[in-house]
Amino acid sequence: MASPLSLFMPVIPGTDLQKMAQDLAQFQTALGEALQSIGTVHYARTLILDGAMPNLQVGAGSKPTDNYVLAIITEYDGSFDDYIGDFASQVGDVFNAFLKYVVGGAAIIPVQSNQQAFLEYLKTNDASQAPTATPIYQAYDATVQEIYAHGIKPVSGS
């Protein structure tokens, strides 16, 4: 059964959103390769949200605000602690690159050397673990490895 991660991290007020987006974009290929090598991730995506907008979307005509949130949303197999441990070891440099933009992130860089603090930070900011979170709907109960074993190949950027 897959488990959700709905990580919502407030962006430091005054952050250059274009720079942050460029930094995130440069890691997309490496991130995809690392997530595939972990072998437990069903889906992963990042979003930049604007809490000042009714639809939360950052539009081309939007005025800069101090209400940006960086969201990382994934579904994965296994325990939260193991998943985050894999993230720290396999995708640590990606997290290091964007944590400098989020409130409290600088204190846990590099995540590879601060795995327990990184784990606690993620637990604190994971809306999936909030008391008001509803259970994840799942259309199937196969793990990523079981899906691969049936000859279904991973795709990226869909």
C-alpha atoms as a PDB file:
ATOM      1  CA  MET A   1       0.000   0.000   0.000  1.00  0.00           C
ATOM      2  CA  ALA A   2       1.347   3.409  -0.960  1.00  0.00           C
ATOM      3  CA  SER A   3       1.746   6.215   1.539  1.00  0.00           C
ATOM      4  CA  PRO A   4       1.486   9.955   0.842  1.00  0.00           C
ATOM      5  CA  LEU A   5       3.904  12.798   1.477  1.00  0.00           C
ATOM      6  CA  SER A   6       2.316  16.245   1.152  1.00  0.00           C
ATOM      7  CA  LEU A   7       5.150  18.542   2.105  1.00  0.00           C
ATOM      8  CA  PHE A   8       4.266  22.248   2.305  1.00  0.00           C
ATOM      9  CA  MET A   9       7.174  24.549   3.191  1.00  0.00           C
ATOM     10  CA  PRO A  10       6.784  28.327   3.499  1.00  0.00           C
ATOM     11  CA  VAL A  11       9.220  30.187   1.266  1.00  0.00           C
ATOM     12  CA  ILE A  12      11.394  32.813   2.982  1.00  0.00           C
ATOM     13  CA  PRO A  13       9.783  36.243   2.424  1.00  0.00           C
ATOM     14  CA  GLY A  14      11.551  38.247  -0.262  1.00  0.00           C
ATOM     15  CA  THR A  15      12.870  35.172  -2.090  1.00  0.00           C
ATOM     16  CA  ASP A  16      13.503  35.631  -5.804  1.00  0.00           C
ATOM     17  CA  LEU A  17      10.929  33.195  -7.131  1.00  0.00           C
ATOM     18  CA  GLN A  18      12.494  33.064 -10.610  1.00  0.00           C
ATOM     19  CA  LYS A  19      15.865  32.081  -9.132  1.00  0.00           C
ATOM     20  CA  MET A  20      14.248  29.448  -6.949  1.00  0.00           C
ATOM     21  CA  ALA A  21      12.334  28.002  -9.929  1.00  0.00           C
ATOM     22  CA  GLN A  22      15.543  27.930 -12.009  1.00  0.00           C
ATOM     23  CA  ASP A  23      17.411  26.143  -9.228  1.00  0.00           C
ATOM     24  CA  LEU A  24      14.638  23.558  -8.946  1.00  0.00           C
ATOM     25  CA  ALA A  25      14.485  23.073 -12.727  1.00  0.00           C
ATOM     26  CA  GLN A  26      18.205  22.321 -13.030  1.00  0.00           C
ATOM     27  CA  PHE A  27      17.778  19.279 -10.778  1.00  0.00           C
ATOM     28  CA  GLN A  28      14.787  17.688 -12.540  1.00  0.00           C
ATOM     29  CA  THR A  29      16.782  15.085 -14.492  1.00  0.00           C
ATOM     30  CA  ALA A  30      18.905  14.123 -11.484  1.00  0.00           C
ATOM     31  CA  LEU A  31      15.804  14.011  -9.299  1.00  0.00           C
ATOM     32  CA  GLY A  32      13.992  11.687 -11.721  1.00  0.00           C
ATOM     33  CA  GLU A  33      16.986   9.365 -11.911  1.00  0.00           C
ATOM     34  CA  ALA A  34      17.374   9.304  -8.133  1.00  0.00           C
ATOM     35  CA  LEU A  35      13.688   8.636  -7.526  1.00  0.00           C
ATOM     36  CA  GLN A  36      13.795   5.775 -10.013  1.00  0.00           C
ATOM     37  CA  SER A  37      16.852   4.316  -8.298  1.00  0.00           C
ATOM     38  CA  ILE A  38      15.106   4.451  -4.911  1.00  0.00           C
ATOM     39  CA  GLY A  39      12.482   2.155  -6.427  1.00  0.00           C
ATOM     40  CA  THR A  40       9.602   2.929  -4.051  1.00  0.00           C
ATOM     41  CA  VAL A  41       8.182   6.166  -5.488  1.00  0.00           C
ATOM     42  CA  HIS A  42       4.927   5.926  -7.449  1.00  0.00           C
ATOM     43  CA  TYR A  43       4.552   9.645  -8.199  1.00  0.00           C
ATOM     44  CA  ALA A  44       6.366  12.864  -7.315  1.00  0.00           C
ATOM     45  CA  ARG A  45       5.799  16.496  -8.158  1.00  0.00           C
ATOM     46  CA  THR A  46       6.789  19.943  -6.965  1.00  0.00           C
ATOM     47  CA  LEU A  47       4.651  23.065  -6.997  1.00  0.00           C
ATOM     48  CA  ILE A  48       5.118  26.663  -6.001  1.00  0.00           C
ATOM     49  CA  LEU A  49       1.911  28.019  -4.497  1.00  0.00           C
ATOM     50  CA  ASP A  50       0.900  31.590  -3.650  1.00  0.00           C
ATOM     51  CA  GLY A  51      -1.188  31.822  -0.488  1.00  0.00           C
ATOM     52  CA  ALA A  52      -2.244  35.333  -1.472  1.00  0.00           C
ATOM     53  CA  MET A  53      -4.098  34.079  -4.560  1.00  0.00           C
ATOM     54  CA  PRO A  54      -7.601  32.574  -4.275  1.00  0.00           C
ATOM     55  CA  ASN A  55      -6.598  29.626  -6.493  1.00  0.00           C
ATOM     56  CA  LEU A  56      -3.089  29.408  -4.966  1.00  0.00           C
ATOM     57  CA  GLN A  57      -1.509  29.610  -8.415  1.00  0.00           C
ATOM     58  CA  VAL A  58       1.435  31.818  -9.253  1.00  0.00           C
ATOM     59  CA  GLY A  59       0.383  33.473 -12.492  1.00  0.00           C
ATOM     60  CA  ALA A  60       2.405  35.416 -15.024  1.00  0.00           C
ATOM     61  CA  GLY A  61       0.620  38.613 -14.010  1.00  0.00           C
ATOM     62  CA  SER A  62       0.783  37.936 -10.274  1.00  0.00           C
ATOM     63  CA  LYS A  63       2.355  40.532  -8.056  1.00  0.00           C
ATOM     64  CA  PRO A  64       5.119  39.164  -5.834  1.00  0.00           C
ATOM     65  CA  THR A  65       3.937  38.288  -2.332  1.00  0.00           C
ATOM     66  CA  ASP A  66       5.480  36.919   0.814  1.00  0.00           C
ATOM     67  CA  ASN A  67       3.002  34.048   0.875  1.00  0.00           C
ATOM     68  CA  TYR A  68       4.753  31.507  -1.350  1.00  0.00           C
ATOM     69  CA  VAL A  69       4.825  27.852  -0.401  1.00  0.00           C
ATOM     70  CA  LEU A  70       6.994  25.162  -1.943  1.00  0.00           C
ATOM     71  CA  ALA A  71       5.041  21.897  -2.138  1.00  0.00           C
ATOM     72  CA  ILE A  72       6.494  18.454  -2.721  1.00  0.00           C
ATOM     73  CA  ILE A  73       3.852  15.786  -3.138  1.00  0.00           C
ATOM     74  CA  THR A  74       4.699  12.109  -3.518  1.00  0.00           C
ATOM     75  CA  GLU A  75       3.275   8.629  -3.066  1.00  0.00           C
ATOM     76  CA  TYR A  76       5.706   5.929  -1.985  1.00  0.00           C
ATOM     77  CA  ASP A  77       5.978   2.365  -0.665  1.00  0.00           C
ATOM     78  CA  GLY A  78       7.285   1.475   2.780  1.00  0.00           C
ATOM     79  CA  SER A  79       7.753   3.411   5.988  1.00  0.00           C
ATOM     80  CA  PHE A  80       8.070   7.183   6.214  1.00  0.00           C
ATOM     81  CA  ASP A  81      11.423   6.963   8.027  1.00  0.00           C
ATOM     82  CA  ASP A  82      12.928   4.609   5.409  1.00  0.00           C
ATOM     83  CA  TYR A  83      11.602   6.765   2.579  1.00  0.00           C
ATOM     84  CA  ILE A  84      13.080   9.936   4.039  1.00  0.00           C
ATOM     85  CA  GLY A  85      16.370   8.130   4.712  1.00  0.00           C
ATOM     86  CA  ASP A  86      16.450   7.154   1.026  1.00  0.00           C
ATOM     87  CA  PHE A  87      15.646  10.752   0.101  1.00  0.00           C
ATOM     88  CA  ALA A  88      18.505  12.088   2.227  1.00  0.00           C
ATOM     89  CA  SER A  89      21.043   9.688   0.743  1.00  0.00           C
ATOM     90  CA  GLN A  90      19.833   9.655  -2.891  1.00  0.00           C
ATOM     91  CA  VAL A  91      18.313  13.126  -3.350  1.00  0.00           C
ATOM     92  CA  GLY A  92      20.107  15.037  -0.591  1.00  0.00           C
ATOM     93  CA  ASP A  93      21.794  17.509  -2.921  1.00  0.00           C
ATOM     94  CA  VAL A  94      18.435  18.414  -4.465  1.00  0.00           C
ATOM     95  CA  PHE A  95      16.988  19.077  -1.010  1.00  0.00           C
ATOM     96  CA  ASN A  96      20.084  21.091  -0.089  1.00  0.00           C
ATOM     97  CA  ALA A  97      19.517  23.275  -3.159  1.00  0.00           C
ATOM     98  CA  PHE A  98      15.948  24.237  -2.326  1.00  0.00           C
ATOM     99  CA  LEU A  99      15.977  24.158   1.484  1.00  0.00           C
ATOM    100  CA  LYS A 100      17.911  27.423   1.416  1.00  0.00           C
ATOM    101  CA  TYR A 101      14.708  29.041   0.111  1.00  0.00           C
ATOM    102  CA  VAL A 102      12.306  27.789   2.797  1.00  0.00           C
ATOM    103  CA  VAL A 103      11.719  28.876   6.372  1.00  0.00           C
ATOM    104  CA  GLY A 104      13.867  26.746   8.699  1.00  0.00           C
ATOM    105  CA  GLY A 105      15.593  24.954   5.846  1.00  0.00           C
ATOM    106  CA  ALA A 106      19.088  26.391   6.284  1.00  0.00           C
ATOM    107  CA  ALA A 107      19.381  24.783   9.722  1.00  0.00           C
ATOM    108  CA  ILE A 108      19.275  21.262   8.258  1.00  0.00           C
ATOM    109  CA  ILE A 109      21.644  21.716   5.301  1.00  0.00           C
ATOM    110  CA  PRO A 110      23.338  19.430   4.372  1.00  0.00           C
ATOM    111  CA  VAL A 111      20.565  16.895   4.910  1.00  0.00           C
ATOM    112  CA  GLN A 112      23.041  14.046   4.480  1.00  0.00           C
ATOM    113  CA  SER A 113      24.689  15.084   7.778  1.00  0.00           C
ATOM    114  CA  ASN A 114      21.463  16.102   9.519  1.00  0.00           C
ATOM    115  CA  GLN A 115      19.181  13.159   8.768  1.00  0.00           C
ATOM    116  CA  GLN A 116      17.304  13.190  12.096  1.00  0.00           C
ATOM    117  CA  ALA A 117      16.678  16.951  11.922  1.00  0.00           C
ATOM    118  CA  PHE A 118      15.669  16.546   8.258  1.00  0.00           C
ATOM    119  CA  LEU A 119      13.221  13.789   9.220  1.00  0.00           C
ATOM    120  CA  GLU A 120      11.697  15.934  11.983  1.00  0.00           C
ATOM    121  CA  TYR A 121      11.443  18.952   9.665  1.00  0.00           C
ATOM    122  CA  LEU A 122       9.598  16.890   7.064  1.00  0.00           C
ATOM    123  CA  LYS A 123       7.257  15.381   9.658  1.00  0.00           C
ATOM    124  CA  THR A 124       6.429  18.875  10.907  1.00  0.00           C
ATOM    125  CA  ASN A 125       5.655  20.135   7.392  1.00  0.00           C
ATOM    126  CA  ASP A 126       3.942  17.008   6.014  1.00  0.00           C
ATOM    127  CA  ALA A 127       0.216  17.751   5.764  1.00  0.00           C
ATOM    128  CA  SER A 128      -0.397  14.025   5.161  1.00  0.00           C
ATOM    129  CA  GLN A 129       0.463  13.406   8.818  1.00  0.00           C
ATOM    130  CA  ALA A 130      -1.861  16.109  10.161  1.00  0.00           C
ATOM    131  CA  PRO A 131      -4.804  14.963  12.302  1.00  0.00           C
ATOM    132  CA  THR A 132      -7.214  16.369   9.695  1.00  0.00           C
ATOM    133  CA  ALA A 133      -5.654  14.448   6.781  1.00  0.00           C
ATOM    134  CA  THR A 134      -7.925  11.957   5.083  1.00  0.00           C
ATOM    135  CA  PRO A 135      -6.698   8.524   3.993  1.00  0.00           C
ATOM    136  CA  ILE A 136      -5.180   8.249   0.536  1.00  0.00           C
ATOM    137  CA  TYR A 137      -7.334   6.659  -2.160  1.00  0.00           C
ATOM    138  CA  GLN A 138      -5.499   3.866  -3.918  1.00  0.00           C
ATOM    139  CA  ALA A 139      -6.756   2.135  -7.060  1.00  0.00           C
ATOM    140  CA  TYR A 140      -4.333  -0.792  -6.666  1.00  0.00           C
ATOM    141  CA  ASP A 141      -2.164  -2.232  -3.914  1.00  0.00           C
ATOM    142  CA  ALA A 142       0.901  -3.207  -5.953  1.00  0.00           C
ATOM    143  CA  THR A 143       4.281  -1.812  -4.973  1.00  0.00           C
ATOM    144  CA  VAL A 144       6.533  -0.069  -7.465  1.00  0.00           C
ATOM    145  CA  GLN A 145       8.746  -3.156  -7.571  1.00  0.00           C
ATOM    146  CA  GLU A 146       5.742  -5.415  -8.272  1.00  0.00           C
ATOM    147  CA  ILE A 147       4.681  -3.100 -11.093  1.00  0.00           C
ATOM    148  CA  TYR A 148       8.196  -3.179 -12.566  1.00  0.00           C
ATOM    149  CA  ALA A 149       8.200  -6.993 -12.296  1.00  0.00           C
ATOM    150  CA  HIS A 150       5.186  -7.057 -14.640  1.00  0.00           C
ATOM    151  CA  GLY A 151       7.240  -5.294 -17.297  1.00  0.00           C
ATOM    152  CA  ILE A 152       5.753  -1.841 -16.817  1.00  0.00           C
ATOM    153  CA  LYS A 153       8.566   0.655 -17.257  1.00  0.00           C
ATOM    154  CA  PRO A 154       8.916   3.979 -15.418  1.00  0.00           C
ATOM    155  CA  VAL A 155       8.207   7.186 -17.296  1.00  0.00           C
ATOM    156  CA  SER A 156       9.248  10.685 -16.394  1.00  0.00           C
ATOM    157  CA  GLY A 157       7.818  14.109 -17.052  1.00  0.00           C
ATOM    158  CA  SER A 158       4.295  12.948 -17.855  1.00  0.00           C
END
